[in-house]
mmCIF file of all heavy atoms, coordinates in Angstrom:
data_MODEL
# 
_entry.id   MODEL 
# 
loop_
_atom_site.group_PDB 
_atom_site.id 
_atom_site.type_symbol 
_atom_site.label_atom_id 
_atom_site.label_alt_id 
_atom_site.label_comp_id 
_atom_site.label_asym_id 
_atom_site.label_entity_id 
_atom_site.label_seq_id 
_atom_site.pdbx_PDB_ins_code 
_atom_site.Cartn_x 
_atom_site.Cartn_y 
_atom_site.Cartn_z 
_atom_site.occupancy 
_atom_site.B_iso_or_equiv 
_atom_site.pdbx_formal_charge 
_atom_site.auth_seq_id 
_atom_site.auth_comp_id 
_atom_site.auth_asym_id 
_atom_site.auth_atom_id 
_atom_site.pdbx_PDB_model_num 
ATOM 1   N N   . GLY A 1 1  ? 25.874 135.567 156.069 1.00 0.00 ? 1  GLY A N   1 
ATOM 2   C CA  . GLY A 1 1  ? 26.843 136.049 157.032 1.00 0.00 ? 1  GLY A CA  1 
ATOM 3   C C   . GLY A 1 1  ? 26.401 136.055 158.477 1.00 0.00 ? 1  GLY A C   1 
ATOM 4   O O   . GLY A 1 1  ? 27.058 136.660 159.326 1.00 0.00 ? 1  GLY A O   1 
ATOM 5   N N   . LEU A 1 2  ? 25.285 135.347 158.778 1.00 0.00 ? 2  LEU A N   1 
ATOM 6   C CA  . LEU A 1 2  ? 24.793 135.312 160.154 1.00 0.00 ? 2  LEU A CA  1 
ATOM 7   C C   . LEU A 1 2  ? 25.388 134.155 160.954 1.00 0.00 ? 2  LEU A C   1 
ATOM 8   O O   . LEU A 1 2  ? 25.119 134.038 162.144 1.00 0.00 ? 2  LEU A O   1 
ATOM 9   C CB  . LEU A 1 2  ? 23.264 135.207 160.168 1.00 0.00 ? 2  LEU A CB  1 
ATOM 10  C CG  . LEU A 1 2  ? 22.507 136.397 159.563 1.00 0.00 ? 2  LEU A CG  1 
ATOM 11  C CD1 . LEU A 1 2  ? 21.015 136.142 159.563 1.00 0.00 ? 2  LEU A CD1 1 
ATOM 12  C CD2 . LEU A 1 2  ? 22.834 137.680 160.334 1.00 0.00 ? 2  LEU A CD2 1 
ATOM 13  N N   . MET A 1 3  ? 26.174 133.305 160.314 1.00 0.00 ? 3  MET A N   1 
ATOM 14  C CA  . MET A 1 3  ? 26.865 132.214 161.002 1.00 0.00 ? 3  MET A CA  1 
ATOM 15  C C   . MET A 1 3  ? 28.233 132.034 160.364 1.00 0.00 ? 3  MET A C   1 
ATOM 16  O O   . MET A 1 3  ? 28.359 132.015 159.141 1.00 0.00 ? 3  MET A O   1 
ATOM 17  C CB  . MET A 1 3  ? 26.043 130.919 160.935 1.00 0.00 ? 3  MET A CB  1 
ATOM 18  C CG  . MET A 1 3  ? 26.730 129.727 161.594 1.00 0.00 ? 3  MET A CG  1 
ATOM 19  S SD  . MET A 1 3  ? 25.683 128.250 161.739 1.00 0.00 ? 3  MET A SD  1 
ATOM 20  C CE  . MET A 1 3  ? 24.753 128.634 163.226 1.00 0.00 ? 3  MET A CE  1 
ATOM 21  N N   . SER A 1 4  ? 29.231 131.894 161.201 1.00 0.00 ? 4  SER A N   1 
ATOM 22  C CA  . SER A 1 4  ? 30.601 131.768 160.708 1.00 0.00 ? 4  SER A CA  1 
ATOM 23  C C   . SER A 1 4  ? 30.892 130.340 160.257 1.00 0.00 ? 4  SER A C   1 
ATOM 24  O O   . SER A 1 4  ? 30.148 129.404 160.574 1.00 0.00 ? 4  SER A O   1 
ATOM 25  C CB  . SER A 1 4  ? 31.586 132.155 161.811 1.00 0.00 ? 4  SER A CB  1 
ATOM 26  O OG  . SER A 1 4  ? 31.553 131.179 162.852 1.00 0.00 ? 4  SER A OG  1 
ATOM 27  N N   . ASP A 1 5  ? 32.006 130.176 159.553 1.00 0.00 ? 5  ASP A N   1 
ATOM 28  C CA  . ASP A 1 5  ? 32.445 128.840 159.157 1.00 0.00 ? 5  ASP A CA  1 
ATOM 29  C C   . ASP A 1 5  ? 32.658 127.948 160.378 1.00 0.00 ? 5  ASP A C   1 
ATOM 30  O O   . ASP A 1 5  ? 32.272 126.778 160.381 1.00 0.00 ? 5  ASP A O   1 
ATOM 31  C CB  . ASP A 1 5  ? 33.757 128.930 158.369 1.00 0.00 ? 5  ASP A CB  1 
ATOM 32  C CG  . ASP A 1 5  ? 33.583 129.559 156.998 1.00 0.00 ? 5  ASP A CG  1 
ATOM 33  O OD1 . ASP A 1 5  ? 32.425 129.727 156.557 1.00 0.00 ? 5  ASP A OD1 1 
ATOM 34  O OD2 . ASP A 1 5  ? 34.608 129.884 156.372 1.00 0.00 ? 5  ASP A OD2 1 
ATOM 35  N N   . ASP A 1 6  ? 33.269 128.505 161.407 1.00 0.00 ? 6  ASP A N   1 
ATOM 36  C CA  . ASP A 1 6  ? 33.562 127.718 162.607 1.00 0.00 ? 6  ASP A CA  1 
ATOM 37  C C   . ASP A 1 6  ? 32.281 127.287 163.320 1.00 0.00 ? 6  ASP A C   1 
ATOM 38  O O   . ASP A 1 6  ? 32.182 126.149 163.799 1.00 0.00 ? 6  ASP A O   1 
ATOM 39  C CB  . ASP A 1 6  ? 34.445 128.517 163.564 1.00 0.00 ? 6  ASP A CB  1 
ATOM 40  C CG  . ASP A 1 6  ? 35.875 128.665 163.052 1.00 0.00 ? 6  ASP A CG  1 
ATOM 41  O OD1 . ASP A 1 6  ? 36.257 127.903 162.137 1.00 0.00 ? 6  ASP A OD1 1 
ATOM 42  O OD2 . ASP A 1 6  ? 36.595 129.535 163.572 1.00 0.00 ? 6  ASP A OD2 1 
ATOM 43  N N   . ASP A 1 7  ? 31.309 128.192 163.396 1.00 0.00 ? 7  ASP A N   1 
ATOM 44  C CA  . ASP A 1 7  ? 30.043 127.850 164.052 1.00 0.00 ? 7  ASP A CA  1 
ATOM 45  C C   . ASP A 1 7  ? 29.300 126.763 163.271 1.00 0.00 ? 7  ASP A C   1 
ATOM 46  O O   . ASP A 1 7  ? 28.717 125.841 163.855 1.00 0.00 ? 7  ASP A O   1 
ATOM 47  C CB  . ASP A 1 7  ? 29.154 129.091 164.182 1.00 0.00 ? 7  ASP A CB  1 
ATOM 48  C CG  . ASP A 1 7  ? 29.665 130.056 165.236 1.00 0.00 ? 7  ASP A CG  1 
ATOM 49  O OD1 . ASP A 1 7  ? 30.589 129.692 165.982 1.00 0.00 ? 7  ASP A OD1 1 
ATOM 50  O OD2 . ASP A 1 7  ? 29.133 131.181 165.310 1.00 0.00 ? 7  ASP A OD2 1 
ATOM 51  N N   . LEU A 1 8  ? 29.305 126.879 161.955 1.00 0.00 ? 8  LEU A N   1 
ATOM 52  C CA  . LEU A 1 8  ? 28.653 125.874 161.118 1.00 0.00 ? 8  LEU A CA  1 
ATOM 53  C C   . LEU A 1 8  ? 29.321 124.516 161.312 1.00 0.00 ? 8  LEU A C   1 
ATOM 54  O O   . LEU A 1 8  ? 28.642 123.484 161.448 1.00 0.00 ? 8  LEU A O   1 
ATOM 55  C CB  . LEU A 1 8  ? 28.715 126.293 159.646 1.00 0.00 ? 8  LEU A CB  1 
ATOM 56  C CG  . LEU A 1 8  ? 27.931 125.435 158.652 1.00 0.00 ? 8  LEU A CG  1 
ATOM 57  C CD1 . LEU A 1 8  ? 26.434 125.525 158.911 1.00 0.00 ? 8  LEU A CD1 1 
ATOM 58  C CD2 . LEU A 1 8  ? 28.250 125.856 157.218 1.00 0.00 ? 8  LEU A CD2 1 
ATOM 59  N N   . ASP A 1 9  ? 30.642 124.523 161.374 1.00 0.00 ? 9  ASP A N   1 
ATOM 60  C CA  . ASP A 1 9  ? 31.387 123.289 161.585 1.00 0.00 ? 9  ASP A CA  1 
ATOM 61  C C   . ASP A 1 9  ? 31.073 122.673 162.944 1.00 0.00 ? 9  ASP A C   1 
ATOM 62  O O   . ASP A 1 9  ? 30.885 121.452 163.071 1.00 0.00 ? 9  ASP A O   1 
ATOM 63  C CB  . ASP A 1 9  ? 32.891 123.573 161.478 1.00 0.00 ? 9  ASP A CB  1 
ATOM 64  C CG  . ASP A 1 9  ? 33.723 122.319 161.690 1.00 0.00 ? 9  ASP A CG  1 
ATOM 65  O OD1 . ASP A 1 9  ? 33.670 121.412 160.844 1.00 0.00 ? 9  ASP A OD1 1 
ATOM 66  O OD2 . ASP A 1 9  ? 34.423 122.245 162.721 1.00 0.00 ? 9  ASP A OD2 1 
ATOM 67  N N   . GLU A 1 10 ? 30.965 123.499 163.965 1.00 0.00 ? 10 GLU A N   1 
ATOM 68  C CA  . GLU A 1 10 ? 30.649 122.998 165.310 1.00 0.00 ? 10 GLU A CA  1 
ATOM 69  C C   . GLU A 1 10 ? 29.240 122.416 165.356 1.00 0.00 ? 10 GLU A C   1 
ATOM 70  O O   . GLU A 1 10 ? 29.020 121.348 165.935 1.00 0.00 ? 10 GLU A O   1 
ATOM 71  C CB  . GLU A 1 10 ? 30.788 124.124 166.337 1.00 0.00 ? 10 GLU A CB  1 
ATOM 72  C CG  . GLU A 1 10 ? 30.505 123.687 167.757 1.00 0.00 ? 10 GLU A CG  1 
ATOM 73  C CD  . GLU A 1 10 ? 30.585 124.840 168.760 1.00 0.00 ? 10 GLU A CD  1 
ATOM 74  O OE1 . GLU A 1 10 ? 31.181 125.889 168.418 1.00 0.00 ? 10 GLU A OE1 1 
ATOM 75  O OE2 . GLU A 1 10 ? 30.039 124.691 169.877 1.00 0.00 ? 10 GLU A OE2 1 
ATOM 76  N N   . LEU A 1 11 ? 28.299 123.118 164.734 1.00 0.00 ? 11 LEU A N   1 
ATOM 77  C CA  . LEU A 1 11 ? 26.912 122.668 164.757 1.00 0.00 ? 11 LEU A CA  1 
ATOM 78  C C   . LEU A 1 11 ? 26.753 121.321 164.046 1.00 0.00 ? 11 LEU A C   1 
ATOM 79  O O   . LEU A 1 11 ? 26.055 120.431 164.543 1.00 0.00 ? 11 LEU A O   1 
ATOM 80  C CB  . LEU A 1 11 ? 26.002 123.716 164.114 1.00 0.00 ? 11 LEU A CB  1 
ATOM 81  C CG  . LEU A 1 11 ? 24.509 123.367 164.010 1.00 0.00 ? 11 LEU A CG  1 
ATOM 82  C CD1 . LEU A 1 11 ? 23.913 123.105 165.402 1.00 0.00 ? 11 LEU A CD1 1 
ATOM 83  C CD2 . LEU A 1 11 ? 23.744 124.483 163.303 1.00 0.00 ? 11 LEU A CD2 1 
ATOM 84  N N   . GLU A 1 12 ? 27.391 121.153 162.899 1.00 0.00 ? 12 GLU A N   1 
ATOM 85  C CA  . GLU A 1 12 ? 27.210 119.916 162.145 1.00 0.00 ? 12 GLU A CA  1 
ATOM 86  C C   . GLU A 1 12 ? 27.746 118.702 162.884 1.00 0.00 ? 12 GLU A C   1 
ATOM 87  O O   . GLU A 1 12 ? 27.315 117.574 162.642 1.00 0.00 ? 12 GLU A O   1 
ATOM 88  C CB  . GLU A 1 12 ? 27.841 120.017 160.762 1.00 0.00 ? 12 GLU A CB  1 
ATOM 89  C CG  . GLU A 1 12 ? 29.349 120.012 160.727 1.00 0.00 ? 12 GLU A CG  1 
ATOM 90  C CD  . GLU A 1 12 ? 29.903 120.194 159.316 1.00 0.00 ? 12 GLU A CD  1 
ATOM 91  O OE1 . GLU A 1 12 ? 29.623 121.224 158.684 1.00 0.00 ? 12 GLU A OE1 1 
ATOM 92  O OE2 . GLU A 1 12 ? 30.614 119.285 158.862 1.00 0.00 ? 12 GLU A OE2 1 
ATOM 93  N N   . GLN A 1 13 ? 28.651 118.922 163.820 1.00 0.00 ? 13 GLN A N   1 
ATOM 94  C CA  . GLN A 1 13 ? 29.217 117.800 164.568 1.00 0.00 ? 13 GLN A CA  1 
ATOM 95  C C   . GLN A 1 13 ? 28.363 117.380 165.769 1.00 0.00 ? 13 GLN A C   1 
ATOM 96  O O   . GLN A 1 13 ? 28.583 116.309 166.338 1.00 0.00 ? 13 GLN A O   1 
ATOM 97  C CB  . GLN A 1 13 ? 30.624 118.152 165.044 1.00 0.00 ? 13 GLN A CB  1 
ATOM 98  C CG  . GLN A 1 13 ? 31.612 118.326 163.892 1.00 0.00 ? 13 GLN A CG  1 
ATOM 99  C CD  . GLN A 1 13 ? 33.021 118.588 164.367 1.00 0.00 ? 13 GLN A CD  1 
ATOM 100 O OE1 . GLN A 1 13 ? 33.568 117.818 165.165 1.00 0.00 ? 13 GLN A OE1 1 
ATOM 101 N NE2 . GLN A 1 13 ? 33.610 119.671 163.896 1.00 0.00 ? 13 GLN A NE2 1 
ATOM 102 N N   . VAL A 1 14 ? 27.389 118.197 166.143 1.00 0.00 ? 14 VAL A N   1 
ATOM 103 C CA  . VAL A 1 14 ? 26.584 117.887 167.340 1.00 0.00 ? 14 VAL A CA  1 
ATOM 104 C C   . VAL A 1 14 ? 25.092 117.763 167.048 1.00 0.00 ? 14 VAL A C   1 
ATOM 105 O O   . VAL A 1 14 ? 24.321 117.370 167.931 1.00 0.00 ? 14 VAL A O   1 
ATOM 106 C CB  . VAL A 1 14 ? 26.798 118.951 168.440 1.00 0.00 ? 14 VAL A CB  1 
ATOM 107 C CG1 . VAL A 1 14 ? 28.253 119.003 168.863 1.00 0.00 ? 14 VAL A CG1 1 
ATOM 108 C CG2 . VAL A 1 14 ? 26.312 120.331 167.992 1.00 0.00 ? 14 VAL A CG2 1 
ATOM 109 N N   . ALA A 1 15 ? 24.658 118.093 165.839 1.00 0.00 ? 15 ALA A N   1 
ATOM 110 C CA  . ALA A 1 15 ? 23.221 118.152 165.558 1.00 0.00 ? 15 ALA A CA  1 
ATOM 111 C C   . ALA A 1 15 ? 22.553 116.781 165.615 1.00 0.00 ? 15 ALA A C   1 
ATOM 112 O O   . ALA A 1 15 ? 21.378 116.674 165.975 1.00 0.00 ? 15 ALA A O   1 
ATOM 113 C CB  . ALA A 1 15 ? 22.977 118.799 164.189 1.00 0.00 ? 15 ALA A CB  1 
ATOM 114 N N   . CYS A 1 16 ? 23.276 115.721 165.257 1.00 0.00 ? 16 CYS A N   1 
ATOM 115 C CA  . CYS A 1 16 ? 22.699 114.376 165.177 1.00 0.00 ? 16 CYS A CA  1 
ATOM 116 C C   . CYS A 1 16 ? 23.541 113.431 166.031 1.00 0.00 ? 16 CYS A C   1 
ATOM 117 O O   . CYS A 1 16 ? 24.476 112.792 165.524 1.00 0.00 ? 16 CYS A O   1 
ATOM 118 C CB  . CYS A 1 16 ? 22.659 113.909 163.724 1.00 0.00 ? 16 CYS A CB  1 
ATOM 119 S SG  . CYS A 1 16 ? 21.661 114.958 162.642 1.00 0.00 ? 16 CYS A SG  1 
ATOM 120 N N   . PRO A 1 17 ? 23.228 113.301 167.326 1.00 0.00 ? 17 PRO A N   1 
ATOM 121 C CA  . PRO A 1 17 ? 24.140 112.631 168.256 1.00 0.00 ? 17 PRO A CA  1 
ATOM 122 C C   . PRO A 1 17 ? 23.954 111.131 168.429 1.00 0.00 ? 17 PRO A C   1 
ATOM 123 O O   . PRO A 1 17 ? 24.664 110.513 169.228 1.00 0.00 ? 17 PRO A O   1 
ATOM 124 C CB  . PRO A 1 17 ? 23.835 113.347 169.568 1.00 0.00 ? 17 PRO A CB  1 
ATOM 125 C CG  . PRO A 1 17 ? 22.368 113.642 169.475 1.00 0.00 ? 17 PRO A CG  1 
ATOM 126 C CD  . PRO A 1 17 ? 22.115 113.963 168.032 1.00 0.00 ? 17 PRO A CD  1 
ATOM 127 N N   . SER A 1 18 ? 23.002 110.505 167.728 1.00 0.00 ? 18 SER A N   1 
ATOM 128 C CA  . SER A 1 18 ? 22.758 109.082 167.993 1.00 0.00 ? 18 SER A CA  1 
ATOM 129 C C   . SER A 1 18 ? 22.140 108.418 166.781 1.00 0.00 ? 18 SER A C   1 
ATOM 130 O O   . SER A 1 18 ? 21.832 109.071 165.778 1.00 0.00 ? 18 SER A O   1 
ATOM 131 C CB  . SER A 1 18 ? 21.811 108.922 169.191 1.00 0.00 ? 18 SER A CB  1 
ATOM 132 O OG  . SER A 1 18 ? 20.473 109.272 168.829 1.00 0.00 ? 18 SER A OG  1 
ATOM 133 N N   . ALA A 1 19 ? 21.939 107.116 166.880 1.00 0.00 ? 19 ALA A N   1 
ATOM 134 C CA  . ALA A 1 19 ? 21.151 106.404 165.871 1.00 0.00 ? 19 ALA A CA  1 
ATOM 135 C C   . ALA A 1 19 ? 19.714 106.878 165.929 1.00 0.00 ? 19 ALA A C   1 
ATOM 136 O O   . ALA A 1 19 ? 19.238 107.384 166.942 1.00 0.00 ? 19 ALA A O   1 
ATOM 137 C CB  . ALA A 1 19 ? 21.220 104.898 166.129 1.00 0.00 ? 19 ALA A CB  1 
ATOM 138 N N   . GLY A 1 20 ? 19.002 106.707 164.817 1.00 0.00 ? 20 GLY A N   1 
ATOM 139 C CA  . GLY A 1 20 ? 17.581 107.042 164.789 1.00 0.00 ? 20 GLY A CA  1 
ATOM 140 C C   . GLY A 1 20 ? 17.235 108.016 163.682 1.00 0.00 ? 20 GLY A C   1 
ATOM 141 O O   . GLY A 1 20 ? 18.097 108.667 163.095 1.00 0.00 ? 20 GLY A O   1 
ATOM 142 N N   . ALA A 1 21 ? 15.942 108.108 163.393 1.00 0.00 ? 21 ALA A N   1 
ATOM 143 C CA  . ALA A 1 21 ? 15.441 109.003 162.357 1.00 0.00 ? 21 ALA A CA  1 
ATOM 144 C C   . ALA A 1 21 ? 15.311 110.423 162.907 1.00 0.00 ? 21 ALA A C   1 
ATOM 145 O O   . ALA A 1 21 ? 15.260 110.635 164.122 1.00 0.00 ? 21 ALA A O   1 
ATOM 146 C CB  . ALA A 1 21 ? 14.090 108.511 161.856 1.00 0.00 ? 21 ALA A CB  1 
ATOM 147 N N   . CYS A 1 22 ? 15.228 111.382 161.989 1.00 0.00 ? 22 CYS A N   1 
ATOM 148 C CA  . CYS A 1 22 ? 15.138 112.798 162.372 1.00 0.00 ? 22 CYS A CA  1 
ATOM 149 C C   . CYS A 1 22 ? 14.099 112.979 163.482 1.00 0.00 ? 22 CYS A C   1 
ATOM 150 O O   . CYS A 1 22 ? 12.989 112.471 163.396 1.00 0.00 ? 22 CYS A O   1 
ATOM 151 C CB  . CYS A 1 22 ? 14.775 113.648 161.166 1.00 0.00 ? 22 CYS A CB  1 
ATOM 152 S SG  . CYS A 1 22 ? 15.978 113.554 159.835 1.00 0.00 ? 22 CYS A SG  1 
ATOM 153 N N   . GLY A 1 23 ? 14.486 113.753 164.521 1.00 0.00 ? 23 GLY A N   1 
ATOM 154 C CA  . GLY A 1 23 ? 13.788 113.660 165.793 1.00 0.00 ? 23 GLY A CA  1 
ATOM 155 C C   . GLY A 1 23 ? 12.472 114.372 165.953 1.00 0.00 ? 23 GLY A C   1 
ATOM 156 O O   . GLY A 1 23 ? 11.733 114.090 166.887 1.00 0.00 ? 23 GLY A O   1 
ATOM 157 N N   . ALA A 1 24 ? 12.156 115.323 165.084 1.00 0.00 ? 24 ALA A N   1 
ATOM 158 C CA  . ALA A 1 24 ? 10.913 116.072 165.242 1.00 0.00 ? 24 ALA A CA  1 
ATOM 159 C C   . ALA A 1 24 ? 9.806  115.430 164.407 1.00 0.00 ? 24 ALA A C   1 
ATOM 160 O O   . ALA A 1 24 ? 9.977  114.343 163.864 1.00 0.00 ? 24 ALA A O   1 
ATOM 161 C CB  . ALA A 1 24 ? 11.136 117.530 164.858 1.00 0.00 ? 24 ALA A CB  1 
ATOM 162 N N   . GLN A 1 25 ? 8.671  116.115 164.308 1.00 0.00 ? 25 GLN A N   1 
ATOM 163 C CA  . GLN A 1 25 ? 7.533  115.529 163.591 1.00 0.00 ? 25 GLN A CA  1 
ATOM 164 C C   . GLN A 1 25 ? 7.692  115.769 162.093 1.00 0.00 ? 25 GLN A C   1 
ATOM 165 O O   . GLN A 1 25 ? 6.865  116.372 161.436 1.00 0.00 ? 25 GLN A O   1 
ATOM 166 C CB  . GLN A 1 25 ? 6.201  116.104 164.125 1.00 0.00 ? 25 GLN A CB  1 
ATOM 167 C CG  . GLN A 1 25 ? 4.978  115.241 163.817 1.00 0.00 ? 25 GLN A CG  1 
ATOM 168 C CD  . GLN A 1 25 ? 4.962  113.911 164.553 1.00 0.00 ? 25 GLN A CD  1 
ATOM 169 O OE1 . GLN A 1 25 ? 5.938  113.506 165.155 1.00 0.00 ? 25 GLN A OE1 1 
ATOM 170 N NE2 . GLN A 1 25 ? 3.833  113.221 164.523 1.00 0.00 ? 25 GLN A NE2 1 
ATOM 171 N N   . PHE A 1 26 ? 8.833  115.270 161.601 1.00 0.00 ? 26 PHE A N   1 
ATOM 172 C CA  . PHE A 1 26 ? 9.092  115.276 160.183 1.00 0.00 ? 26 PHE A CA  1 
ATOM 173 C C   . PHE A 1 26 ? 8.439  114.014 159.597 1.00 0.00 ? 26 PHE A C   1 
ATOM 174 O O   . PHE A 1 26 ? 7.636  113.365 160.255 1.00 0.00 ? 26 PHE A O   1 
ATOM 175 C CB  . PHE A 1 26 ? 10.591 115.310 159.906 1.00 0.00 ? 26 PHE A CB  1 
ATOM 176 C CG  . PHE A 1 26 ? 11.352 116.404 160.633 1.00 0.00 ? 26 PHE A CG  1 
ATOM 177 C CD1 . PHE A 1 26 ? 12.687 116.236 160.964 1.00 0.00 ? 26 PHE A CD1 1 
ATOM 178 C CD2 . PHE A 1 26 ? 10.742 117.600 160.990 1.00 0.00 ? 26 PHE A CD2 1 
ATOM 179 C CE1 . PHE A 1 26 ? 13.401 117.217 161.627 1.00 0.00 ? 26 PHE A CE1 1 
ATOM 180 C CE2 . PHE A 1 26 ? 11.444 118.601 161.655 1.00 0.00 ? 26 PHE A CE2 1 
ATOM 181 C CZ  . PHE A 1 26 ? 12.782 118.411 161.979 1.00 0.00 ? 26 PHE A CZ  1 
ATOM 182 N N   . THR A 1 27 ? 8.789  113.630 158.383 1.00 0.00 ? 27 THR A N   1 
ATOM 183 C CA  . THR A 1 27 ? 8.058  112.544 157.729 1.00 0.00 ? 27 THR A CA  1 
ATOM 184 C C   . THR A 1 27 ? 8.199  111.209 158.453 1.00 0.00 ? 27 THR A C   1 
ATOM 185 O O   . THR A 1 27 ? 7.228  110.463 158.609 1.00 0.00 ? 27 THR A O   1 
ATOM 186 C CB  . THR A 1 27 ? 8.491  112.404 156.269 1.00 0.00 ? 27 THR A CB  1 
ATOM 187 O OG1 . THR A 1 27 ? 8.308  113.654 155.605 1.00 0.00 ? 27 THR A OG1 1 
ATOM 188 C CG2 . THR A 1 27 ? 7.666  111.340 155.558 1.00 0.00 ? 27 THR A CG2 1 
ATOM 189 N N   . ALA A 1 28 ? 9.412  110.866 158.901 1.00 0.00 ? 28 ALA A N   1 
ATOM 190 C CA  . ALA A 1 28 ? 9.591  109.559 159.543 1.00 0.00 ? 28 ALA A CA  1 
ATOM 191 C C   . ALA A 1 28 ? 8.739  109.446 160.798 1.00 0.00 ? 28 ALA A C   1 
ATOM 192 O O   . ALA A 1 28 ? 8.008  108.452 160.978 1.00 0.00 ? 28 ALA A O   1 
ATOM 193 C CB  . ALA A 1 28 ? 11.062 109.332 159.868 1.00 0.00 ? 28 ALA A CB  1 
# 
């Protein structure tokens, strides 16, 4: 309950804005 449905929906639309692999020092 710390994030609403609307906030989750907004975040998922902006989290990955371009081509390319995950941006931090993850596996890729």
